[in-house]
Amino acid sequence: MAKKLYVGNLSFDTTDQELESIFSEHGEVTSASVVTDRYTGKSRGFGFVEFSNEADAKKAKDVIDGKEFGGRSLRVDEAKDPRESRGGDRPRSYNSDRNRSRY
């Protein structure tokens, strides 16, 4: 079963290919992508790497987490499903009163 990892604290110059090469030493990488800003196209400093199996992903996480790359200490963790990481029972319109004009 495929397993996706979050990679944080990336250098803003890191490319998808560099990210893949770092992780491919530890198993079969099916995809690697650095997240970029949709307007400027510049890196946002984090990305995702997907492995073909869970064992390789765990091995890579254990080895690479905290390792220095591009002058920065990488943070590697399991990627969370975005639908599960909304946080709490709070409704999405929690701040709607603050966004209304006072005039």
Protein backbone atom coordinates (compact mmCIF):
# COMPACT_ATOMS: atom_id res chain seq x y z
CA MET A 1 0.00 0.00 0.00
CA ALA A 2 1.31 3.46 -0.93
CA LYS A 3 2.37 5.83 1.83
CA LYS A 4 2.77 9.60 1.57
CA LEU A 5 5.23 11.65 3.64
CA TYR A 6 5.23 15.38 4.41
CA VAL A 7 8.65 17.03 4.10
CA GLY A 8 9.01 20.42 5.76
CA ASN A 9 11.70 23.07 6.16
CA LEU A 10 12.91 22.63 2.58
CA SER A 11 15.25 25.17 1.04
CA PHE A 12 13.28 27.41 -1.30
CA ASP A 13 15.61 26.31 -4.13
CA THR A 14 14.76 22.59 -3.80
CA THR A 15 13.32 21.00 -6.95
CA ASP A 16 11.01 18.00 -7.35
CA GLN A 17 13.93 16.02 -8.78
CA GLU A 18 16.19 16.80 -5.80
CA LEU A 19 13.45 15.83 -3.38
CA GLU A 20 12.95 12.54 -5.20
CA SER A 21 16.68 11.78 -5.24
CA ILE A 22 17.00 12.32 -1.47
CA PHE A 23 14.25 9.82 -0.73
CA SER A 24 14.82 7.30 -3.53
CA GLU A 25 17.96 6.08 -1.73
CA HIS A 26 15.63 4.51 0.85
CA GLY A 27 12.98 2.87 -1.32
CA GLU A 28 10.80 3.10 -4.41
CA VAL A 29 9.43 6.64 -4.75
CA THR A 30 6.27 6.89 -6.85
CA SER A 31 6.03 10.70 -6.72
CA ALA A 32 7.80 13.70 -5.20
CA SER A 33 6.64 17.29 -5.40
CA VAL A 34 7.60 20.60 -3.85
CA VAL A 35 4.54 22.75 -3.14
CA THR A 36 4.64 26.13 -4.87
CA ASP A 37 2.66 29.32 -4.49
CA ARG A 38 -0.03 29.42 -7.16
CA TYR A 39 0.53 33.10 -7.96
CA THR A 40 4.31 33.47 -7.84
CA GLY A 41 5.35 29.90 -8.63
CA LYS A 42 7.94 30.03 -5.84
CA SER A 43 8.45 27.18 -3.39
CA ARG A 44 6.52 27.33 -0.12
CA GLY A 45 9.24 25.38 1.70
CA PHE A 46 7.52 22.02 1.97
CA GLY A 47 6.56 19.08 -0.19
CA PHE A 48 5.30 15.51 -0.35
CA VAL A 49 6.94 12.21 -1.25
CA GLU A 50 4.95 9.07 -1.96
CA PHE A 51 6.42 5.58 -1.60
CA SER A 52 5.11 2.40 -3.16
CA ASN A 53 5.07 0.66 0.25
CA GLU A 54 4.78 1.61 3.89
CA ALA A 55 8.01 -0.07 5.05
CA ASP A 56 10.17 2.04 2.72
CA ALA A 57 8.36 5.20 3.80
CA LYS A 58 8.96 4.45 7.49
CA LYS A 59 12.64 3.69 6.85
CA ALA A 60 13.08 6.94 4.91
CA LYS A 61 11.27 8.95 7.60
CA ASP A 62 13.50 7.53 10.33
CA VAL A 63 16.71 8.21 8.40
CA ILE A 64 15.96 11.61 6.83
CA ASP A 65 14.01 13.37 9.62
CA GLY A 66 16.40 15.95 11.08
CA LYS A 67 19.00 15.45 8.32
CA GLU A 68 20.48 18.65 6.88
CA PHE A 69 19.85 19.42 3.22
CA GLY A 70 20.42 22.77 1.52
CA GLY A 71 21.51 24.33 4.79
CA ARG A 72 18.27 23.40 6.57
CA SER A 73 17.25 20.59 8.89
CA LEU A 74 14.47 18.61 7.20
CA ARG A 75 11.27 17.70 9.02
CA VAL A 76 9.67 14.47 7.83
CA ASP A 77 6.32 13.15 9.03
CA GLU A 78 3.42 11.08 7.75
CA ALA A 79 1.15 13.15 5.53
CA LYS A 80 -2.35 13.60 6.90
CA ASP A 81 -5.50 13.39 4.85
CA PRO A 82 -6.60 17.03 4.37
CA ARG A 83 -10.20 16.10 5.15
CA GLU A 84 -9.15 14.79 8.57
CA SER A 85 -6.98 17.75 9.58
CA ARG A 86 -9.66 20.42 9.80
CA GLY A 87 -9.37 20.43 13.59
CA GLY A 88 -12.03 20.39 16.24
CA ASP A 89 -15.80 20.72 16.14
CA ARG A 90 -15.74 24.40 15.41
CA PRO A 91 -17.85 25.46 12.45
CA ARG A 92 -16.04 26.84 9.40
CA SER A 93 -17.80 30.21 9.81
CA TYR A 94 -16.27 30.74 13.26
CA ASN A 95 -14.68 34.09 12.38
CA SER A 96 -17.50 35.34 10.17
CA ASP A 97 -18.50 38.08 12.64
CA ARG A 98 -14.95 39.44 12.65
CA ASN A 99 -14.91 39.71 8.85
CA ARG A 100 -17.99 41.92 8.64
CA SER A 101 -17.57 45.61 8.19
CA ARG A 102 -18.31 47.77 11.25
CA TYR A 103 -19.57 50.63 9.14
